[in-house]
Amino acid sequence: MRTIHFSDARSNLKAVMDQTIDDHDAVLITRRDAPNVVLMSEAQYESWKETMYLLQSPTNAERILRSIAQHRRGEAVERQLIDPDGE
């Protein structure tokens, strides 16, 4: 995560936002007398929200982590998706 001071972020806001999107990484904006802020793209924010939603259930989190481990061990099976509207 890149760190930038508030005054630099303010002076170069468009460039900071563009780089945040291009790098697919958040930016920590530091402030002298106030809490810091993290800037991230909307796509990254939505991804984080979805991840948090999926992992909030311990049972679901366990299933997801088990599936990831199976895939990493080469135990995953690729299947064709079924189109319910297809013939």
PDB file of N, CA and C in Angstrom:
ATOM      1  N   MET A   1       0.860  -1.170   0.000  1.00  0.00           N
ATOM      2  CA  MET A   1       0.000   0.000   0.000  1.00  0.00           C
ATOM      3  C   MET A   1       0.905   1.231   0.000  1.00  0.00           C
ATOM      4  N   ARG A   2       0.636   2.093  -0.921  1.00  0.00           N
ATOM      5  CA  ARG A   2       1.393   3.342  -1.022  1.00  0.00           C
ATOM      6  C   ARG A   2       0.880   4.325   0.020  1.00  0.00           C
ATOM      7  N   THR A   3       1.757   5.154   0.544  1.00  0.00           N
ATOM      8  CA  THR A   3       1.395   6.169   1.531  1.00  0.00           C
ATOM      9  C   THR A   3       1.686   7.546   0.959  1.00  0.00           C
ATOM     10  N   ILE A   4       0.747   8.469   1.157  1.00  0.00           N
ATOM     11  CA  ILE A   4       0.904   9.836   0.670  1.00  0.00           C
ATOM     12  C   ILE A   4       0.309  10.783   1.710  1.00  0.00           C
ATOM     13  N   HIS A   5       0.914  11.927   1.870  1.00  0.00           N
ATOM     14  CA  HIS A   5       0.400  12.915   2.820  1.00  0.00           C
ATOM     15  C   HIS A   5      -0.815  13.617   2.217  1.00  0.00           C
ATOM     16  N   PHE A   6      -1.727  14.031   3.067  1.00  0.00           N
ATOM     17  CA  PHE A   6      -2.966  14.675   2.642  1.00  0.00           C
ATOM     18  C   PHE A   6      -2.730  15.834   1.681  1.00  0.00           C
ATOM     19  N   SER A   7      -1.782  16.710   1.988  1.00  0.00           N
ATOM     20  CA  SER A   7      -1.562  17.884   1.129  1.00  0.00           C
ATOM     21  C   SER A   7      -1.099  17.468  -0.264  1.00  0.00           C
ATOM     22  N   ASP A   8      -0.277  16.411  -0.363  1.00  0.00           N
ATOM     23  CA  ASP A   8       0.146  15.910  -1.674  1.00  0.00           C
ATOM     24  C   ASP A   8      -1.026  15.266  -2.411  1.00  0.00           C
ATOM     25  N   ALA A   9      -1.848  14.532  -1.681  1.00  0.00           N
ATOM     26  CA  ALA A   9      -3.024  13.911  -2.296  1.00  0.00           C
ATOM     27  C   ALA A   9      -3.977  14.974  -2.820  1.00  0.00           C
ATOM     28  N   ARG A  10      -4.195  16.008  -2.050  1.00  0.00           N
ATOM     29  CA  ARG A  10      -5.087  17.092  -2.459  1.00  0.00           C
ATOM     30  C   ARG A  10      -4.556  17.785  -3.709  1.00  0.00           C
ATOM     31  N   SER A  11      -3.252  18.044  -3.752  1.00  0.00           N
ATOM     32  CA  SER A  11      -2.654  18.744  -4.894  1.00  0.00           C
ATOM     33  C   SER A  11      -2.657  17.902  -6.163  1.00  0.00           C
ATOM     34  N   ASN A  12      -2.659  16.590  -6.000  1.00  0.00           N
ATOM     35  CA  ASN A  12      -2.561  15.680  -7.152  1.00  0.00           C
ATOM     36  C   ASN A  12      -3.692  14.657  -7.147  1.00  0.00           C
ATOM     37  N   LEU A  13      -4.882  15.079  -6.769  1.00  0.00           N
ATOM     38  CA  LEU A  13      -5.972  14.133  -6.538  1.00  0.00           C
ATOM     39  C   LEU A  13      -6.271  13.261  -7.755  1.00  0.00           C
ATOM     40  N   LYS A  14      -6.380  13.854  -8.944  1.00  0.00           N
ATOM     41  CA  LYS A  14      -6.689  13.055 -10.133  1.00  0.00           C
ATOM     42  C   LYS A  14      -5.616  11.999 -10.371  1.00  0.00           C
ATOM     43  N   ALA A  15      -4.350  12.386 -10.278  1.00  0.00           N
ATOM     44  CA  ALA A  15      -3.256  11.437 -10.499  1.00  0.00           C
ATOM     45  C   ALA A  15      -3.258  10.340  -9.438  1.00  0.00           C
ATOM     46  N   VAL A  16      -3.527  10.706  -8.190  1.00  0.00           N
ATOM     47  CA  VAL A  16      -3.579   9.716  -7.109  1.00  0.00           C
ATOM     48  C   VAL A  16      -4.719   8.733  -7.360  1.00  0.00           C
ATOM     49  N   MET A  17      -5.883   9.244  -7.753  1.00  0.00           N
ATOM     50  CA  MET A  17      -7.023   8.359  -8.035  1.00  0.00           C
ATOM     51  C   MET A  17      -6.728   7.453  -9.225  1.00  0.00           C
ATOM     52  N   ASP A  18      -6.170   8.017 -10.297  1.00  0.00           N
ATOM     53  CA  ASP A  18      -5.854   7.212 -11.482  1.00  0.00           C
ATOM     54  C   ASP A  18      -4.851   6.112 -11.154  1.00  0.00           C
ATOM     55  N   GLN A  19      -3.816   6.439 -10.386  1.00  0.00           N
ATOM     56  CA  GLN A  19      -2.811   5.439 -10.032  1.00  0.00           C
ATOM     57  C   GLN A  19      -3.406   4.367  -9.121  1.00  0.00           C
ATOM     58  N   THR A  20      -4.299   4.766  -8.235  1.00  0.00           N
ATOM     59  CA  THR A  20      -4.974   3.803  -7.357  1.00  0.00           C
ATOM     60  C   THR A  20      -5.735   2.779  -8.187  1.00  0.00           C
ATOM     61  N   ILE A  21      -6.431   3.252  -9.202  1.00  0.00           N
ATOM     62  CA  ILE A  21      -7.189   2.351 -10.077  1.00  0.00           C
ATOM     63  C   ILE A  21      -6.246   1.511 -10.924  1.00  0.00           C
ATOM     64  N   ASP A  22      -5.240   2.150 -11.537  1.00  0.00           N
ATOM     65  CA  ASP A  22      -4.316   1.434 -12.419  1.00  0.00           C
ATOM     66  C   ASP A  22      -3.508   0.371 -11.679  1.00  0.00           C
ATOM     67  N   ASP A  23      -3.092   0.675 -10.443  1.00  0.00           N
ATOM     68  CA  ASP A  23      -2.271  -0.258  -9.662  1.00  0.00           C
ATOM     69  C   ASP A  23      -3.090  -1.313  -8.928  1.00  0.00           C
ATOM     70  N   HIS A  24      -4.408  -1.168  -8.927  1.00  0.00           N
ATOM     71  CA  HIS A  24      -5.279  -2.088  -8.178  1.00  0.00           C
ATOM     72  C   HIS A  24      -4.806  -2.210  -6.733  1.00  0.00           C
ATOM     73  N   ASP A  25      -4.474  -1.070  -6.143  1.00  0.00           N
ATOM     74  CA  ASP A  25      -3.966  -1.053  -4.775  1.00  0.00           C
ATOM     75  C   ASP A  25      -4.509   0.173  -4.056  1.00  0.00           C
ATOM     76  N   ALA A  26      -4.680   0.047  -2.773  1.00  0.00           N
ATOM     77  CA  ALA A  26      -5.176   1.162  -1.967  1.00  0.00           C
ATOM     78  C   ALA A  26      -4.040   2.130  -1.656  1.00  0.00           C
ATOM     79  N   VAL A  27      -4.413   3.355  -1.306  1.00  0.00           N
ATOM     80  CA  VAL A  27      -3.453   4.388  -0.926  1.00  0.00           C
ATOM     81  C   VAL A  27      -3.811   4.862   0.476  1.00  0.00           C
ATOM     82  N   LEU A  28      -2.824   4.894   1.351  1.00  0.00           N
ATOM     83  CA  LEU A  28      -3.012   5.418   2.698  1.00  0.00           C
ATOM     84  C   LEU A  28      -2.721   6.912   2.656  1.00  0.00           C
ATOM     85  N   ILE A  29      -3.709   7.715   3.001  1.00  0.00           N
ATOM     86  CA  ILE A  29      -3.549   9.168   3.039  1.00  0.00           C
ATOM     87  C   ILE A  29      -3.408   9.560   4.501  1.00  0.00           C
ATOM     88  N   THR A  30      -2.219  10.077   4.838  1.00  0.00           N
ATOM     89  CA  THR A  30      -1.933  10.434   6.225  1.00  0.00           C
ATOM     90  C   THR A  30      -2.268  11.898   6.474  1.00  0.00           C
ATOM     91  N   ARG A  31      -2.705  12.166   7.706  1.00  0.00           N
ATOM     92  CA  ARG A  31      -3.029  13.538   8.113  1.00  0.00           C
ATOM     93  C   ARG A  31      -2.352  13.809   9.444  1.00  0.00           C
ATOM     94  N   ARG A  32      -1.938  15.031   9.632  1.00  0.00           N
ATOM     95  CA  ARG A  32      -1.154  15.390  10.820  1.00  0.00           C
ATOM     96  C   ARG A  32      -1.973  15.296  12.109  1.00  0.00           C
ATOM     97  N   ASP A  33      -3.134  15.916  12.147  1.00  0.00           N
ATOM     98  CA  ASP A  33      -3.896  16.011  13.399  1.00  0.00           C
ATOM     99  C   ASP A  33      -5.251  15.311  13.331  1.00  0.00           C
ATOM    100  N   ALA A  34      -5.350  14.303  12.486  1.00  0.00           N
ATOM    101  CA  ALA A  34      -6.624  13.598  12.335  1.00  0.00           C
ATOM    102  C   ALA A  34      -6.327  12.159  11.903  1.00  0.00           C
ATOM    103  N   PRO A  35      -7.300  11.277  12.053  1.00  0.00           N
ATOM    104  CA  PRO A  35      -7.085   9.892  11.625  1.00  0.00           C
ATOM    105  C   PRO A  35      -6.774   9.809  10.126  1.00  0.00           C
ATOM    106  N   ASN A  36      -6.000   8.815   9.761  1.00  0.00           N
ATOM    107  CA  ASN A  36      -5.658   8.592   8.360  1.00  0.00           C
ATOM    108  C   ASN A  36      -6.853   8.029   7.600  1.00  0.00           C
ATOM    109  N   VAL A  37      -6.751   8.051   6.273  1.00  0.00           N
ATOM    110  CA  VAL A  37      -7.820   7.581   5.400  1.00  0.00           C
ATOM    111  C   VAL A  37      -7.205   6.656   4.353  1.00  0.00           C
ATOM    112  N   VAL A  38      -7.964   5.642   3.943  1.00  0.00           N
ATOM    113  CA  VAL A  38      -7.524   4.753   2.873  1.00  0.00           C
ATOM    114  C   VAL A  38      -8.388   5.019   1.646  1.00  0.00           C
ATOM    115  N   LEU A  39      -7.733   5.208   0.504  1.00  0.00           N
ATOM    116  CA  LEU A  39      -8.414   5.433  -0.771  1.00  0.00           C
ATOM    117  C   LEU A  39      -8.266   4.176  -1.610  1.00  0.00           C
ATOM    118  N   MET A  40      -9.389   3.675  -2.147  1.00  0.00           N
ATOM    119  CA  MET A  40      -9.340   2.513  -3.030  1.00  0.00           C
ATOM    120  C   MET A  40     -10.385   2.678  -4.119  1.00  0.00           C
ATOM    121  N   SER A  41     -10.222   1.931  -5.201  1.00  0.00           N
ATOM    122  CA  SER A  41     -11.180   2.003  -6.299  1.00  0.00           C
ATOM    123  C   SER A  41     -12.524   1.413  -5.864  1.00  0.00           C
ATOM    124  N   GLU A  42     -13.560   1.802  -6.564  1.00  0.00           N
ATOM    125  CA  GLU A  42     -14.884   1.250  -6.273  1.00  0.00           C
ATOM    126  C   GLU A  42     -14.890  -0.259  -6.494  1.00  0.00           C
ATOM    127  N   ALA A  43     -14.227  -0.718  -7.550  1.00  0.00           N
ATOM    128  CA  ALA A  43     -14.183  -2.157  -7.832  1.00  0.00           C
ATOM    129  C   ALA A  43     -13.516  -2.917  -6.687  1.00  0.00           C
ATOM    130  N   GLN A  44     -12.423  -2.364  -6.166  1.00  0.00           N
ATOM    131  CA  GLN A  44     -11.738  -3.016  -5.050  1.00  0.00           C
ATOM    132  C   GLN A  44     -12.615  -3.000  -3.797  1.00  0.00           C
ATOM    133  N   TYR A  45     -13.288  -1.899  -3.552  1.00  0.00           N
ATOM    134  CA  TYR A  45     -14.185  -1.791  -2.401  1.00  0.00           C
ATOM    135  C   TYR A  45     -15.309  -2.822  -2.497  1.00  0.00           C
ATOM    136  N   GLU A  46     -15.930  -2.938  -3.675  1.00  0.00           N
ATOM    137  CA  GLU A  46     -17.011  -3.916  -3.856  1.00  0.00           C
ATOM    138  C   GLU A  46     -16.488  -5.339  -3.661  1.00  0.00           C
ATOM    139  N   SER A  47     -15.272  -5.595  -4.126  1.00  0.00           N
ATOM    140  CA  SER A  47     -14.664  -6.908  -3.942  1.00  0.00           C
ATOM    141  C   SER A  47     -14.459  -7.212  -2.460  1.00  0.00           C
ATOM    142  N   TRP A  48     -13.977  -6.227  -1.708  1.00  0.00           N
ATOM    143  CA  TRP A  48     -13.785  -6.401  -0.264  1.00  0.00           C
ATOM    144  C   TRP A  48     -15.124  -6.669   0.423  1.00  0.00           C
ATOM    145  N   LYS A  49     -16.152  -5.918   0.042  1.00  0.00           N
ATOM    146  CA  LYS A  49     -17.476  -6.130   0.652  1.00  0.00           C
ATOM    147  C   LYS A  49     -17.969  -7.547   0.387  1.00  0.00           C
ATOM    148  N   GLU A  50     -17.819  -8.017  -0.843  1.00  0.00           N
ATOM    149  CA  GLU A  50     -18.269  -9.361  -1.200  1.00  0.00           C
ATOM    150  C   GLU A  50     -17.484 -10.416  -0.418  1.00  0.00           C
ATOM    151  N   THR A  51     -16.174 -10.228  -0.314  1.00  0.00           N
ATOM    152  CA  THR A  51     -15.343 -11.164   0.446  1.00  0.00           C
ATOM    153  C   THR A  51     -15.773 -11.211   1.906  1.00  0.00           C
ATOM    154  N   MET A  52     -15.984 -10.051   2.498  1.00  0.00           N
ATOM    155  CA  MET A  52     -16.411  -9.999   3.902  1.00  0.00           C
ATOM    156  C   MET A  52     -17.772 -10.681   4.082  1.00  0.00           C
ATOM    157  N   TYR A  53     -18.671 -10.476   3.133  1.00  0.00           N
ATOM    158  CA  TYR A  53     -19.986 -11.109   3.204  1.00  0.00           C
ATOM    159  C   TYR A  53     -19.842 -12.636   3.152  1.00  0.00           C
ATOM    160  N   LEU A  54     -19.025 -13.126   2.219  1.00  0.00           N
ATOM    161  CA  LEU A  54     -18.868 -14.568   2.066  1.00  0.00           C
ATOM    162  C   LEU A  54     -18.170 -15.214   3.259  1.00  0.00           C
ATOM    163  N   LEU A  55     -17.278 -14.470   3.904  1.00  0.00           N
ATOM    164  CA  LEU A  55     -16.512 -15.039   5.014  1.00  0.00           C
ATOM    165  C   LEU A  55     -17.135 -14.792   6.384  1.00  0.00           C
ATOM    166  N   GLN A  56     -18.245 -14.063   6.446  1.00  0.00           N
ATOM    167  CA  GLN A  56     -18.834 -13.768   7.756  1.00  0.00           C
ATOM    168  C   GLN A  56     -19.448 -15.007   8.400  1.00  0.00           C
ATOM    169  N   SER A  57     -19.833 -15.964   7.599  1.00  0.00           N
ATOM    170  CA  SER A  57     -20.342 -17.225   8.134  1.00  0.00           C
ATOM    171  C   SER A  57     -19.161 -18.183   8.303  1.00  0.00           C
ATOM    172  N   PRO A  58     -18.897 -18.653   9.524  1.00  0.00           N
ATOM    173  CA  PRO A  58     -17.773 -19.581   9.722  1.00  0.00           C
ATOM    174  C   PRO A  58     -17.888 -20.843   8.864  1.00  0.00           C
ATOM    175  N   THR A  59     -19.100 -21.344   8.690  1.00  0.00           N
ATOM    176  CA  THR A  59     -19.296 -22.545   7.876  1.00  0.00           C
ATOM    177  C   THR A  59     -18.946 -22.266   6.424  1.00  0.00           C
ATOM    178  N   ASN A  60     -19.425 -21.150   5.894  1.00  0.00           N
ATOM    179  CA  ASN A  60     -19.133 -20.797   4.509  1.00  0.00           C
ATOM    180  C   ASN A  60     -17.643 -20.528   4.320  1.00  0.00           C
ATOM    181  N   ALA A  61     -17.037 -19.834   5.275  1.00  0.00           N
ATOM    182  CA  ALA A  61     -15.600 -19.546   5.198  1.00  0.00           C
ATOM    183  C   ALA A  61     -14.800 -20.846   5.160  1.00  0.00           C
ATOM    184  N   GLU A  62     -15.190 -21.807   5.988  1.00  0.00           N
ATOM    185  CA  GLU A  62     -14.491 -23.096   6.015  1.00  0.00           C
ATOM    186  C   GLU A  62     -14.616 -23.815   4.677  1.00  0.00           C
ATOM    187  N   ARG A  63     -15.806 -23.798   4.091  1.00  0.00           N
ATOM    188  CA  ARG A  63     -16.019 -24.452   2.791  1.00  0.00           C
ATOM    189  C   ARG A  63     -15.175 -23.792   1.705  1.00  0.00           C
ATOM    190  N   ILE A  64     -15.150 -22.471   1.703  1.00  0.00           N
ATOM    191  CA  ILE A  64     -14.367 -21.749   0.697  1.00  0.00           C
ATOM    192  C   ILE A  64     -12.887 -22.075   0.850  1.00  0.00           C
ATOM    193  N   LEU A  65     -12.371 -22.016   2.074  1.00  0.00           N
ATOM    194  CA  LEU A  65     -10.954 -22.298   2.302  1.00  0.00           C
ATOM    195  C   LEU A  65     -10.607 -23.746   1.955  1.00  0.00           C
ATOM    196  N   ARG A  66     -11.516 -24.663   2.239  1.00  0.00           N
ATOM    197  CA  ARG A  66     -11.295 -26.067   1.879  1.00  0.00           C
ATOM    198  C   ARG A  66     -11.244 -26.226   0.357  1.00  0.00           C
ATOM    199  N   SER A  67     -12.129 -25.537  -0.342  1.00  0.00           N
ATOM    200  CA  SER A  67     -12.144 -25.598  -1.807  1.00  0.00           C
ATOM    201  C   SER A  67     -10.877 -25.004  -2.409  1.00  0.00           C
ATOM    202  N   ILE A  68     -10.405 -23.902  -1.845  1.00  0.00           N
ATOM    203  CA  ILE A  68      -9.161 -23.291  -2.326  1.00  0.00           C
ATOM    204  C   ILE A  68      -7.995 -24.255  -2.127  1.00  0.00           C
ATOM    205  N   ALA A  69      -7.950 -24.904  -0.972  1.00  0.00           N
ATOM    206  CA  ALA A  69      -6.876 -25.868  -0.695  1.00  0.00           C
ATOM    207  C   ALA A  69      -6.934 -27.038  -1.676  1.00  0.00           C
ATOM    208  N   GLN A  70      -8.136 -27.541  -1.971  1.00  0.00           N
ATOM    209  CA  GLN A  70      -8.280 -28.626  -2.940  1.00  0.00           C
ATOM    210  C   GLN A  70      -7.771 -28.190  -4.312  1.00  0.00           C
ATOM    211  N   HIS A  71      -8.105 -26.982  -4.714  1.00  0.00           N
ATOM    212  CA  HIS A  71      -7.660 -26.472  -6.011  1.00  0.00           C
ATOM    213  C   HIS A  71      -6.140 -26.379  -6.056  1.00  0.00           C
ATOM    214  N   ARG A  72      -5.542 -25.893  -4.989  1.00  0.00           N
ATOM    215  CA  ARG A  72      -4.074 -25.763  -4.944  1.00  0.00           C
ATOM    216  C   ARG A  72      -3.377 -27.125  -4.986  1.00  0.00           C
ATOM    217  N   ARG A  73      -4.038 -28.146  -4.472  1.00  0.00           N
ATOM    218  CA  ARG A  73      -3.469 -29.496  -4.511  1.00  0.00           C
ATOM    219  C   ARG A  73      -3.741 -30.183  -5.851  1.00  0.00           C
ATOM    220  N   GLY A  74      -4.433 -29.500  -6.756  1.00  0.00           N
ATOM    221  CA  GLY A  74      -4.739 -30.075  -8.060  1.00  0.00           C
ATOM    222  C   GLY A  74      -5.917 -31.024  -8.034  1.00  0.00           C
ATOM    223  N   GLU A  75      -6.754 -30.930  -7.024  1.00  0.00           N
ATOM    224  CA  GLU A  75      -7.890 -31.838  -6.874  1.00  0.00           C
ATOM    225  C   GLU A  75      -9.187 -31.258  -7.418  1.00  0.00           C
ATOM    226  N   ALA A  76      -9.133 -30.077  -7.994  1.00  0.00           N
ATOM    227  CA  ALA A  76     -10.351 -29.455  -8.519  1.00  0.00           C
ATOM    228  C   ALA A  76     -10.717 -30.102  -9.852  1.00  0.00           C
ATOM    229  N   VAL A  77     -11.998 -30.152 -10.126  1.00  0.00           N
ATOM    230  CA  VAL A  77     -12.493 -30.714 -11.374  1.00  0.00           C
ATOM    231  C   VAL A  77     -13.175 -29.597 -12.152  1.00  0.00           C
ATOM    232  N   GLU A  78     -12.721 -29.397 -13.393  1.00  0.00           N
ATOM    233  CA  GLU A  78     -13.336 -28.366 -14.231  1.00  0.00           C
ATOM    234  C   GLU A  78     -14.598 -28.930 -14.864  1.00  0.00           C
ATOM    235  N   ARG A  79     -15.651 -28.151 -14.822  1.00  0.00           N
ATOM    236  CA  ARG A  79     -16.931 -28.581 -15.391  1.00  0.00           C
ATOM    237  C   ARG A  79     -17.488 -27.474 -16.269  1.00  0.00           C
ATOM    238  N   GLN A  80     -18.285 -27.867 -17.244  1.00  0.00           N
ATOM    239  CA  GLN A  80     -18.971 -26.904 -18.093  1.00  0.00           C
ATOM    240  C   GLN A  80     -20.192 -26.385 -17.346  1.00  0.00           C
ATOM    241  N   LEU A  81     -20.430 -25.091 -17.460  1.00  0.00           N
ATOM    242  CA  LEU A  81     -21.625 -24.522 -16.853  1.00  0.00           C
ATOM    243  C   LEU A  81     -22.837 -24.874 -17.698  1.00  0.00           C
ATOM    244  N   ILE A  82     -23.934 -25.103 -17.032  1.00  0.00           N
ATOM    245  CA  ILE A  82     -25.176 -25.431 -17.722  1.00  0.00           C
ATOM    246  C   ILE A  82     -25.964 -24.153 -17.910  1.00  0.00           C
ATOM    247  N   ASP A  83     -26.341 -23.883 -19.147  1.00  0.00           N
ATOM    248  CA  ASP A  83     -27.157 -22.713 -19.455  1.00  0.00           C
ATOM    249  C   ASP A  83     -28.619 -23.126 -19.311  1.00  0.00           C
ATOM    250  N   PRO A  84     -29.320 -22.621 -18.285  1.00  0.00           N
ATOM    251  CA  PRO A  84     -30.708 -23.051 -18.071  1.00  0.00           C
ATOM    252  C   PRO A  84     -31.634 -22.650 -19.214  1.00  0.00           C
ATOM    253  N   ASP A  85     -31.252 -21.657 -19.998  1.00  0.00           N
ATOM    254  CA  ASP A  85     -32.081 -21.219 -21.121  1.00  0.00           C
ATOM    255  C   ASP A  85     -31.645 -21.858 -22.432  1.00  0.00           C
ATOM    256  N   GLY A  86     -30.526 -22.556 -22.412  1.00  0.00           N
ATOM    257  CA  GLY A  86     -29.996 -23.179 -23.624  1.00  0.00           C
ATOM    258  C   GLY A  86     -30.765 -24.433 -23.974  1.00  0.00           C
ATOM    259  N   GLU A  87     -30.572 -24.858 -25.193  1.00  0.00           N
ATOM    260  CA  GLU A  87     -31.274 -26.067 -25.642  1.00  0.00           C
ATOM    261  C   GLU A  87     -30.324 -27.188 -25.884  1.00  0.00           C
TER     262      GLU A  87
END
